PDB file of N, CA and C in Angstrom:
ATOM      1  N   MET A   1      23.727  92.973  75.487  1.00  0.00           N
ATOM      2  CA  MET A   1      24.241  93.754  76.673  1.00  0.00           C
ATOM      3  C   MET A   1      23.690  92.279  77.765  1.00  0.00           C
ATOM      4  N   SER A   2      24.906  91.977  78.399  1.00  0.00           N
ATOM      5  CA  SER A   2      24.614  90.882  79.294  1.00  0.00           C
ATOM      6  C   SER A   2      23.378  91.391  80.867  1.00  0.00           C
ATOM      7  N   GLU A   3      22.447  90.612  80.506  1.00  0.00           N
ATOM      8  CA  GLU A   3      21.512  90.984  81.976  1.00  0.00           C
ATOM      9  C   GLU A   3      22.167  91.094  83.084  1.00  0.00           C
ATOM     10  N   GLN A   4      21.222  91.811  83.931  1.00  0.00           N
ATOM     11  CA  GLN A   4      22.171  92.445  85.403  1.00  0.00           C
ATOM     12  C   GLN A   4      21.580  90.927  86.666  1.00  0.00           C
ATOM     13  N   LYS A   5      23.071  90.831  87.256  1.00  0.00           N
ATOM     14  CA  LYS A   5      22.786  89.795  88.667  1.00  0.00           C
ATOM     15  C   LYS A   5      21.362  89.869  89.519  1.00  0.00           C
ATOM     16  N   LEU A   6      21.061  89.178  89.594  1.00  0.00           N
ATOM     17  CA  LEU A   6      19.980  89.147  90.655  1.00  0.00           C
ATOM     18  C   LEU A   6      19.798  88.502  92.199  1.00  0.00           C
ATOM     19  N   THR A   7      19.871  89.343  93.348  1.00  0.00           N
ATOM     20  CA  THR A   7      19.990  88.385  94.296  1.00  0.00           C
ATOM     21  C   THR A   7      18.386  88.291  94.830  1.00  0.00           C
ATOM     22  N   VAL A   8      18.642  86.834  95.429  1.00  0.00           N
ATOM     23  CA  VAL A   8      17.441  86.925  96.014  1.00  0.00           C
ATOM     24  C   VAL A   8      17.363  86.382  97.267  1.00  0.00           C
ATOM     25  N   LEU A   9      16.462  86.730  98.297  1.00  0.00           N
ATOM     26  CA  LEU A   9      16.356  86.776  99.345  1.00  0.00           C
ATOM     27  C   LEU A   9      15.219  85.958  99.924  1.00  0.00           C
ATOM     28  N   ALA A  10      14.974  84.521 100.671  1.00  0.00           N
ATOM     29  CA  ALA A  10      13.934  83.980 100.584  1.00  0.00           C
ATOM     30  C   ALA A  10      14.019  83.208 102.361  1.00  0.00           C
ATOM     31  N   ARG A  11      12.758  83.912 102.796  1.00  0.00           N
ATOM     32  CA  ARG A  11      12.824  82.982 104.253  1.00  0.00           C
ATOM     33  C   ARG A  11      11.145  82.160 104.231  1.00  0.00           C
ATOM     34  N   VAL A  12      11.567  81.189 105.036  1.00  0.00           N
ATOM     35  CA  VAL A  12      11.225  79.910 105.208  1.00  0.00           C
ATOM     36  C   VAL A  12      10.633  79.233 106.404  1.00  0.00           C
ATOM     37  N   THR A  13       9.507  79.338 107.007  1.00  0.00           N
ATOM     38  CA  THR A  13       8.712  79.054 108.555  1.00  0.00           C
ATOM     39  C   THR A  13       8.314  77.579 108.165  1.00  0.00           C
ATOM     40  N   ALA A  14       9.017  76.743 109.396  1.00  0.00           N
ATOM     41  CA  ALA A  14       8.466  75.600 108.829  1.00  0.00           C
ATOM     42  C   ALA A  14       7.395  75.521 110.328  1.00  0.00           C
ATOM     43  N   LYS A  15       6.266  74.624 110.052  1.00  0.00           N
ATOM     44  CA  LYS A  15       4.974  74.793 110.993  1.00  0.00           C
ATOM     45  C   LYS A  15       5.766  73.807 112.034  1.00  0.00           C
ATOM     46  N   PRO A  16       5.565  74.362 113.177  1.00  0.00           N
ATOM     47  CA  PRO A  16       5.742  73.292 114.239  1.00  0.00           C
ATOM     48  C   PRO A  16       5.946  71.801 113.815  1.00  0.00           C
ATOM     49  N   GLY A  17       6.683  70.999 114.875  1.00  0.00           N
ATOM     50  CA  GLY A  17       6.782  69.601 114.477  1.00  0.00           C
ATOM     51  C   GLY A  17       7.235  69.543 113.224  1.00  0.00           C
ATOM     52  N   CYS A  18       7.053  69.956 112.147  1.00  0.00           N
ATOM     53  CA  CYS A  18       7.873  69.831 110.861  1.00  0.00           C
ATOM     54  C   CYS A  18       9.240  70.437 110.669  1.00  0.00           C
ATOM     55  N   GLU A  19      10.265  71.180 111.372  1.00  0.00           N
ATOM     56  CA  GLU A  19      11.408  72.092 111.476  1.00  0.00           C
ATOM     57  C   GLU A  19      12.319  70.764 110.757  1.00  0.00           C
ATOM     58  N   GLU A  20      12.524  69.790 110.759  1.00  0.00           N
ATOM     59  CA  GLU A  20      13.392  68.756 110.644  1.00  0.00           C
ATOM     60  C   GLU A  20      13.346  68.127 109.076  1.00  0.00           C
ATOM     61  N   GLU A  21      11.719  68.121 108.847  1.00  0.00           N
ATOM     62  CA  GLU A  21      11.730  67.796 107.263  1.00  0.00           C
ATOM     63  C   GLU A  21      11.833  68.935 106.809  1.00  0.00           C
ATOM     64  N   VAL A  22      11.433  70.130 106.984  1.00  0.00           N
ATOM     65  CA  VAL A  22      11.985  70.861 106.177  1.00  0.00           C
ATOM     66  C   VAL A  22      13.110  71.155 105.808  1.00  0.00           C
ATOM     67  N   PHE A  23      14.519  71.301 107.088  1.00  0.00           N
ATOM     68  CA  PHE A  23      15.566  71.385 106.628  1.00  0.00           C
ATOM     69  C   PHE A  23      16.118  70.351 106.081  1.00  0.00           C
ATOM     70  N   LYS A  24      15.771  69.146 105.793  1.00  0.00           N
ATOM     71  CA  LYS A  24      16.003  67.756 105.116  1.00  0.00           C
ATOM     72  C   LYS A  24      15.748  68.460 103.744  1.00  0.00           C
ATOM     73  N   GLU A  25      13.919  68.778 103.542  1.00  0.00           N
ATOM     74  CA  GLU A  25      13.989  69.199 102.240  1.00  0.00           C
ATOM     75  C   GLU A  25      14.788  70.300 101.434  1.00  0.00           C
ATOM     76  N   LEU A  26      15.113  71.210 102.548  1.00  0.00           N
ATOM     77  CA  LEU A  26      16.155  72.062 101.808  1.00  0.00           C
ATOM     78  C   LEU A  26      17.419  72.095 101.500  1.00  0.00           C
ATOM     79  N   CYS A  27      17.626  71.402 102.086  1.00  0.00           N
ATOM     80  CA  CYS A  27      19.289  71.279 101.925  1.00  0.00           C
ATOM     81  C   CYS A  27      19.623  69.886 100.700  1.00  0.00           C
ATOM     82  N   ALA A  28      18.117  69.469 100.545  1.00  0.00           N
ATOM     83  CA  ALA A  28      18.361  68.376  98.639  1.00  0.00           C
ATOM     84  C   ALA A  28      18.106  69.263  97.591  1.00  0.00           C
ATOM     85  N   LEU A  29      17.985  70.391  98.142  1.00  0.00           N
ATOM     86  CA  LEU A  29      17.547  72.089  97.066  1.00  0.00           C
ATOM     87  C   LEU A  29      19.238  72.099  96.909  1.00  0.00           C
ATOM     88  N   VAL A  30      19.941  72.595  97.389  1.00  0.00           N
ATOM     89  CA  VAL A  30      21.267  72.910  97.479  1.00  0.00           C
ATOM     90  C   VAL A  30      22.276  72.496  96.697  1.00  0.00           C
ATOM     91  N   ALA A  31      22.207  71.623  96.558  1.00  0.00           N
ATOM     92  CA  ALA A  31      23.405  70.819  95.758  1.00  0.00           C
ATOM     93  C   ALA A  31      22.837  70.688  93.801  1.00  0.00           C
ATOM     94  N   PRO A  32      21.784  70.245  93.743  1.00  0.00           N
ATOM     95  CA  PRO A  32      21.416  70.584  92.233  1.00  0.00           C
ATOM     96  C   PRO A  32      21.251  72.096  91.936  1.00  0.00           C
ATOM     97  N   THR A  33      21.217  72.741  92.994  1.00  0.00           N
ATOM     98  CA  THR A  33      20.904  74.287  92.773  1.00  0.00           C
ATOM     99  C   THR A  33      22.410  74.893  92.237  1.00  0.00           C
ATOM    100  N   HIS A  34      23.115  74.094  93.335  1.00  0.00           N
ATOM    101  CA  HIS A  34      24.536  74.666  92.608  1.00  0.00           C
ATOM    102  C   HIS A  34      25.138  74.245  91.515  1.00  0.00           C
ATOM    103  N   ALA A  35      24.758  73.318  90.844  1.00  0.00           N
ATOM    104  CA  ALA A  35      25.070  72.881  89.611  1.00  0.00           C
ATOM    105  C   ALA A  35      24.464  73.829  88.092  1.00  0.00           C
ATOM    106  N   GLU A  36      23.149  74.250  88.396  1.00  0.00           N
ATOM    107  CA  GLU A  36      22.641  75.146  87.539  1.00  0.00           C
ATOM    108  C   GLU A  36      23.363  76.315  86.965  1.00  0.00           C
ATOM    109  N   ALA A  37      23.375  76.655  85.719  1.00  0.00           N
ATOM    110  CA  ALA A  37      24.751  77.361  85.147  1.00  0.00           C
ATOM    111  C   ALA A  37      24.580  78.648  85.403  1.00  0.00           C
ATOM    112  N   GLY A  38      23.216  78.869  85.697  1.00  0.00           N
ATOM    113  CA  GLY A  38      23.198  80.569  86.274  1.00  0.00           C
ATOM    114  C   GLY A  38      23.215  80.686  87.709  1.00  0.00           C
ATOM    115  N   CYS A  39      23.505  79.789  88.645  1.00  0.00           N
ATOM    116  CA  CYS A  39      23.783  79.994  90.087  1.00  0.00           C
ATOM    117  C   CYS A  39      24.621  80.099  90.287  1.00  0.00           C
ATOM    118  N   ILE A  40      25.083  81.406  90.822  1.00  0.00           N
ATOM    119  CA  ILE A  40      26.342  82.152  91.520  1.00  0.00           C
ATOM    120  C   ILE A  40      26.418  81.265  92.831  1.00  0.00           C
ATOM    121  N   ASN A  41      25.377  81.642  93.688  1.00  0.00           N
ATOM    122  CA  ASN A  41      25.589  80.743  95.227  1.00  0.00           C
ATOM    123  C   ASN A  41      24.292  80.792  96.197  1.00  0.00           C
ATOM    124  N   TYR A  42      23.856  79.804  96.343  1.00  0.00           N
ATOM    125  CA  TYR A  42      22.626  79.523  97.063  1.00  0.00           C
ATOM    126  C   TYR A  42      23.034  78.874  98.471  1.00  0.00           C
ATOM    127  N   ASP A  43      22.382  79.541  99.301  1.00  0.00           N
ATOM    128  CA  ASP A  43      23.445  79.488 100.895  1.00  0.00           C
ATOM    129  C   ASP A  43      22.074  79.330 101.630  1.00  0.00           C
ATOM    130  N   LEU A  44      21.630  78.065 102.340  1.00  0.00           N
ATOM    131  CA  LEU A  44      20.968  77.755 103.379  1.00  0.00           C
ATOM    132  C   LEU A  44      21.367  78.577 104.508  1.00  0.00           C
ATOM    133  N   HIS A  45      20.616  78.875 105.317  1.00  0.00           N
ATOM    134  CA  HIS A  45      20.703  79.383 106.818  1.00  0.00           C
ATOM    135  C   HIS A  45      19.613  78.904 107.725  1.00  0.00           C
ATOM    136  N   ARG A  46      20.200  78.759 108.835  1.00  0.00           N
ATOM    137  CA  ARG A  46      19.241  78.222 109.971  1.00  0.00           C
ATOM    138  C   ARG A  46      19.339  79.032 111.103  1.00  0.00           C
ATOM    139  N   SER A  47      18.066  79.867 111.437  1.00  0.00           N
ATOM    140  CA  SER A  47      18.142  80.593 112.857  1.00  0.00           C
ATOM    141  C   SER A  47      18.484  80.125 113.908  1.00  0.00           C
ATOM    142  N   LYS A  48      19.566  80.802 114.197  1.00  0.00           N
ATOM    143  CA  LYS A  48      19.832  80.202 115.673  1.00  0.00           C
ATOM    144  C   LYS A  48      18.567  80.554 116.860  1.00  0.00           C
ATOM    145  N   ASP A  49      18.178  81.338 116.890  1.00  0.00           N
ATOM    146  CA  ASP A  49      17.134  81.392 118.185  1.00  0.00           C
ATOM    147  C   ASP A  49      15.731  80.651 117.807  1.00  0.00           C
ATOM    148  N   ASP A  50      15.612  80.690 116.311  1.00  0.00           N
ATOM    149  CA  ASP A  50      14.064  79.532 116.403  1.00  0.00           C
ATOM    150  C   ASP A  50      14.663  78.235 115.327  1.00  0.00           C
ATOM    151  N   PRO A  51      14.512  77.366 115.646  1.00  0.00           N
ATOM    152  CA  PRO A  51      15.395  76.219 114.379  1.00  0.00           C
ATOM    153  C   PRO A  51      13.843  75.981 113.269  1.00  0.00           C
ATOM    154  N   ALA A  52      12.762  76.726 113.716  1.00  0.00           N
ATOM    155  CA  ALA A  52      12.132  76.401 112.486  1.00  0.00           C
ATOM    156  C   ALA A  52      12.160  77.119 111.786  1.00  0.00           C
ATOM    157  N   ARG A  53      12.867  78.228 111.442  1.00  0.00           N
ATOM    158  CA  ARG A  53      13.192  79.573 110.351  1.00  0.00           C
ATOM    159  C   ARG A  53      14.281  79.302 110.118  1.00  0.00           C
ATOM    160  N   PHE A  54      14.381  79.552 108.481  1.00  0.00           N
ATOM    161  CA  PHE A  54      15.201  79.088 107.515  1.00  0.00           C
ATOM    162  C   PHE A  54      15.393  80.607 106.787  1.00  0.00           C
ATOM    163  N   PHE A  55      16.594  80.438 106.085  1.00  0.00           N
ATOM    164  CA  PHE A  55      16.867  81.969 105.240  1.00  0.00           C
ATOM    165  C   PHE A  55      17.551  81.541 104.239  1.00  0.00           C
ATOM    166  N   LEU A  56      17.252  81.756 102.445  1.00  0.00           N
ATOM    167  CA  LEU A  56      18.167  81.196 101.839  1.00  0.00           C
ATOM    168  C   LEU A  56      18.521  82.664 100.861  1.00  0.00           C
ATOM    169  N   TYR A  57      19.886  82.334 100.648  1.00  0.00           N
ATOM    170  CA  TYR A  57      20.498  83.710 100.218  1.00  0.00           C
ATOM    171  C   TYR A  57      21.296  83.554  98.861  1.00  0.00           C
ATOM    172  N   GLU A  58      20.541  84.370  97.760  1.00  0.00           N
ATOM    173  CA  GLU A  58      20.732  83.504  96.408  1.00  0.00           C
ATOM    174  C   GLU A  58      21.393  84.516  95.538  1.00  0.00           C
ATOM    175  N   ASN A  59      22.354  84.232  94.446  1.00  0.00           N
ATOM    176  CA  ASN A  59      22.745  85.261  93.920  1.00  0.00           C
ATOM    177  C   ASN A  59      22.472  84.246  91.994  1.00  0.00           C
ATOM    178  N   TRP A  60      22.132  85.185  91.272  1.00  0.00           N
ATOM    179  CA  TRP A  60      21.790  84.413  89.777  1.00  0.00           C
ATOM    180  C   TRP A  60      22.666  85.999  89.183  1.00  0.00           C
ATOM    181  N   ARG A  61      22.985  85.100  88.059  1.00  0.00           N
ATOM    182  CA  ARG A  61      23.566  85.185  86.700  1.00  0.00           C
ATOM    183  C   ARG A  61      22.098  86.366  85.663  1.00  0.00           C
ATOM    184  N   SER A  62      21.287  86.261  85.928  1.00  0.00           N
ATOM    185  CA  SER A  62      19.970  86.983  85.233  1.00  0.00           C
ATOM    186  C   SER A  62      19.169  86.700  85.759  1.00  0.00           C
ATOM    187  N   ARG A  63      17.737  87.506  85.766  1.00  0.00           N
ATOM    188  CA  ARG A  63      15.955  86.740  85.673  1.00  0.00           C
ATOM    189  C   ARG A  63      15.823  85.727  84.941  1.00  0.00           C
ATOM    190  N   LYS A  64      16.528  85.788  84.085  1.00  0.00           N
ATOM    191  CA  LYS A  64      16.454  84.212  83.145  1.00  0.00           C
ATOM    192  C   LYS A  64      17.067  83.041  83.790  1.00  0.00           C
ATOM    193  N   ALA A  65      18.529  83.377  84.380  1.00  0.00           N
ATOM    194  CA  ALA A  65      18.668  82.223  84.943  1.00  0.00           C
ATOM    195  C   ALA A  65      18.119  81.605  85.863  1.00  0.00           C
ATOM    196  N   LEU A  66      17.120  82.512  86.925  1.00  0.00           N
ATOM    197  CA  LEU A  66      16.350  82.671  88.105  1.00  0.00           C
ATOM    198  C   LEU A  66      14.970  81.910  87.449  1.00  0.00           C
ATOM    199  N   ASP A  67      14.221  82.324  86.557  1.00  0.00           N
ATOM    200  CA  ASP A  67      13.231  81.676  86.001  1.00  0.00           C
ATOM    201  C   ASP A  67      13.501  80.081  85.372  1.00  0.00           C
ATOM    202  N   GLU A  68      14.684  80.170  85.274  1.00  0.00           N
ATOM    203  CA  GLU A  68      14.647  78.322  84.588  1.00  0.00           C
ATOM    204  C   GLU A  68      14.957  77.504  86.365  1.00  0.00           C
ATOM    205  N   HIS A  69      15.526  77.917  86.845  1.00  0.00           N
ATOM    206  CA  HIS A  69      15.741  77.665  88.227  1.00  0.00           C
ATOM    207  C   HIS A  69      14.404  77.499  88.466  1.00  0.00           C
ATOM    208  N   LEU A  70      13.545  78.376  88.614  1.00  0.00           N
ATOM    209  CA  LEU A  70      12.111  78.096  88.950  1.00  0.00           C
ATOM    210  C   LEU A  70      11.333  77.130  89.025  1.00  0.00           C
ATOM    211  N   GLU A  71      11.302  76.566  87.535  1.00  0.00           N
ATOM    212  CA  GLU A  71      11.064  75.716  86.958  1.00  0.00           C
ATOM    213  C   GLU A  71      11.773  73.962  87.289  1.00  0.00           C
ATOM    214  N   MET A  72      12.829  73.999  87.935  1.00  0.00           N
ATOM    215  CA  MET A  72      13.240  72.952  87.940  1.00  0.00           C
ATOM    216  C   MET A  72      12.159  71.628  88.889  1.00  0.00           C
ATOM    217  N   PRO A  73      12.592  70.666  88.414  1.00  0.00           N
ATOM    218  CA  PRO A  73      11.653  69.765  88.888  1.00  0.00           C
ATOM    219  C   PRO A  73      11.714  69.463  90.423  1.00  0.00           C
ATOM    220  N   TYR A  74      12.586  69.766  90.862  1.00  0.00           N
ATOM    221  CA  TYR A  74      13.135  69.309  92.379  1.00  0.00           C
ATOM    222  C   TYR A  74      12.744  70.840  93.081  1.00  0.00           C
ATOM    223  N   LEU A  75      12.188  72.234  92.353  1.00  0.00           N
ATOM    224  CA  LEU A  75      11.929  72.887  93.410  1.00  0.00           C
ATOM    225  C   LEU A  75      10.490  72.568  92.806  1.00  0.00           C
ATOM    226  N   GLN A  76       9.976  72.614  92.187  1.00  0.00           N
ATOM    227  CA  GLN A  76       8.330  72.203  91.852  1.00  0.00           C
ATOM    228  C   GLN A  76       8.396  71.341  93.066  1.00  0.00           C
ATOM    229  N   ALA A  77       8.910  70.196  93.186  1.00  0.00           N
ATOM    230  CA  ALA A  77       8.557  69.304  94.005  1.00  0.00           C
ATOM    231  C   ALA A  77       8.283  69.773  95.125  1.00  0.00           C
ATOM    232  N   PHE A  78       9.427  70.454  96.146  1.00  0.00           N
ATOM    233  CA  PHE A  78       8.803  71.348  97.277  1.00  0.00           C
ATOM    234  C   PHE A  78       8.239  72.370  97.516  1.00  0.00           C
ATOM    235  N   ARG A  79       7.727  73.065  96.292  1.00  0.00           N
ATOM    236  CA  ARG A  79       6.802  74.053  96.270  1.00  0.00           C
ATOM    237  C   ARG A  79       5.097  73.275  96.348  1.00  0.00           C
ATOM    238  N   GLN A  80       5.233  71.989  95.965  1.00  0.00           N
ATOM    239  CA  GLN A  80       4.482  71.276  96.017  1.00  0.00           C
ATOM    240  C   GLN A  80       4.017  71.075  97.802  1.00  0.00           C
ATOM    241  N   LYS A  81       5.664  70.599  97.992  1.00  0.00           N
ATOM    242  CA  LYS A  81       4.704  70.108  99.707  1.00  0.00           C
ATOM    243  C   LYS A  81       4.430  71.266 100.430  1.00  0.00           C
ATOM    244  N   ALA A  82       5.320  72.315 100.411  1.00  0.00           N
ATOM    245  CA  ALA A  82       5.416  73.566 100.896  1.00  0.00           C
ATOM    246  C   ALA A  82       4.063  73.602 101.670  1.00  0.00           C
ATOM    247  N   PRO A  83       2.852  73.608 101.179  1.00  0.00           N
ATOM    248  CA  PRO A  83       2.140  73.737 102.196  1.00  0.00           C
ATOM    249  C   PRO A  83       1.029  73.175 103.346  1.00  0.00           C
ATOM    250  N   GLU A  84       1.964  72.098 103.218  1.00  0.00           N
ATOM    251  CA  GLU A  84       1.676  71.212 104.577  1.00  0.00           C
ATOM    252  C   GLU A  84       2.970  70.914 105.727  1.00  0.00           C
ATOM    253  N   LEU A  85       4.110  71.472 105.082  1.00  0.00           N
ATOM    254  CA  LEU A  85       5.170  71.917 106.365  1.00  0.00           C
ATOM    255  C   LEU A  85       5.541  73.492 106.222  1.00  0.00           C
ATOM    256  N   LEU A  86       4.848  74.258 105.970  1.00  0.00           N
ATOM    257  CA  LEU A  86       5.282  75.420 106.060  1.00  0.00           C
ATOM    258  C   LEU A  86       4.255  75.924 106.709  1.00  0.00           C
ATOM    259  N   ALA A  87       4.772  77.313 108.076  1.00  0.00           N
ATOM    260  CA  ALA A  87       3.555  77.809 108.540  1.00  0.00           C
ATOM    261  C   ALA A  87       3.087  79.080 108.009  1.00  0.00           C
ATOM    262  N   GLU A  88       3.546  79.453 107.081  1.00  0.00           N
ATOM    263  CA  GLU A  88       3.260  80.467 106.403  1.00  0.00           C
ATOM    264  C   GLU A  88       4.131  79.988 104.927  1.00  0.00           C
ATOM    265  N   PRO A  89       3.221  81.061 103.700  1.00  0.00           N
ATOM    266  CA  PRO A  89       4.169  81.394 102.524  1.00  0.00           C
ATOM    267  C   PRO A  89       5.024  81.848 102.525  1.00  0.00           C
ATOM    268  N   LEU A  90       6.515  81.201 101.331  1.00  0.00           N
ATOM    269  CA  LEU A  90       7.891  81.325 101.237  1.00  0.00           C
ATOM    270  C   LEU A  90       7.436  82.813 101.076  1.00  0.00           C
ATOM    271  N   ASP A  91       8.242  83.392 101.484  1.00  0.00           N
ATOM    272  CA  ASP A  91       8.553  85.175 101.840  1.00  0.00           C
ATOM    273  C   ASP A  91       9.860  85.395 100.806  1.00  0.00           C
ATOM    274  N   ILE A  92       9.650  85.593  99.663  1.00  0.00           N
ATOM    275  CA  ILE A  92      11.001  85.591  98.605  1.00  0.00           C
ATOM    276  C   ILE A  92      10.784  87.311  98.125  1.00  0.00           C
ATOM    277  N   SER A  93      12.044  87.547  98.487  1.00  0.00           N
ATOM    278  CA  SER A  93      12.292  89.266  97.753  1.00  0.00           C
ATOM    279  C   SER A  93      13.384  88.935  96.422  1.00  0.00           C
ATOM    280  N   PHE A  94      13.532  90.245  95.907  1.00  0.00           N
ATOM    281  CA  PHE A  94      14.529  90.391  94.763  1.00  0.00           C
ATOM    282  C   PHE A  94      15.088  92.041  95.086  1.00  0.00           C
ATOM    283  N   TRP A  95      16.295  91.506  94.725  1.00  0.00           N
ATOM    284  CA  TRP A  95      17.151  92.638  95.106  1.00  0.00           C
ATOM    285  C   TRP A  95      18.348  93.155  94.387  1.00  0.00           C
ATOM    286  N   ASP A  96      18.654  94.062  93.736  1.00  0.00           N
ATOM    287  CA  ASP A  96      19.955  94.255  92.728  1.00  0.00           C
ATOM    288  C   ASP A  96      21.094  95.076  94.055  1.00  0.00           C
ATOM    289  N   ARG A  97      22.429  94.480  93.416  1.00  0.00           N
ATOM    290  CA  ARG A  97      23.512  95.421  94.357  1.00  0.00           C
ATOM    291  C   ARG A  97      23.228  96.337  93.721  1.00  0.00           C
ATOM    292  N   VAL A  98      23.949  97.385  94.785  1.00  0.00           N
ATOM    293  CA  VAL A  98      24.349  98.519  94.237  1.00  0.00           C
ATOM    294  C   VAL A  98      25.144  98.973  94.549  1.00  0.00           C
ATOM    295  N   ALA A  99      26.254  98.528  95.513  1.00  0.00           N
ATOM    296  CA  ALA A  99      27.035  99.362  96.045  1.00  0.00           C
ATOM    297  C   ALA A  99      27.978  98.068  96.608  1.00  0.00           C
TER     298      ALA A  99
END
């Protein structure tokens, strides 16, 4: 039996003055993530009301595919930079599509 698909919602808030650097860093994650076999979509959004707020809407073929993504060097590099760039920790939640 195949694993269930998984949706991830990730909220990111840049520190004041770091908005464009965070935008650049997040944009750099999109292409390599799209190339991952387990990625269905990885969509980056930016708030119209607050340029410091970003949102990633992700769908993965399985939890295993997401776990593999989380170990990718480019994502690990972003996570290491996050404390100096982000106003708060990454807010990540996991969802199952039910309808």
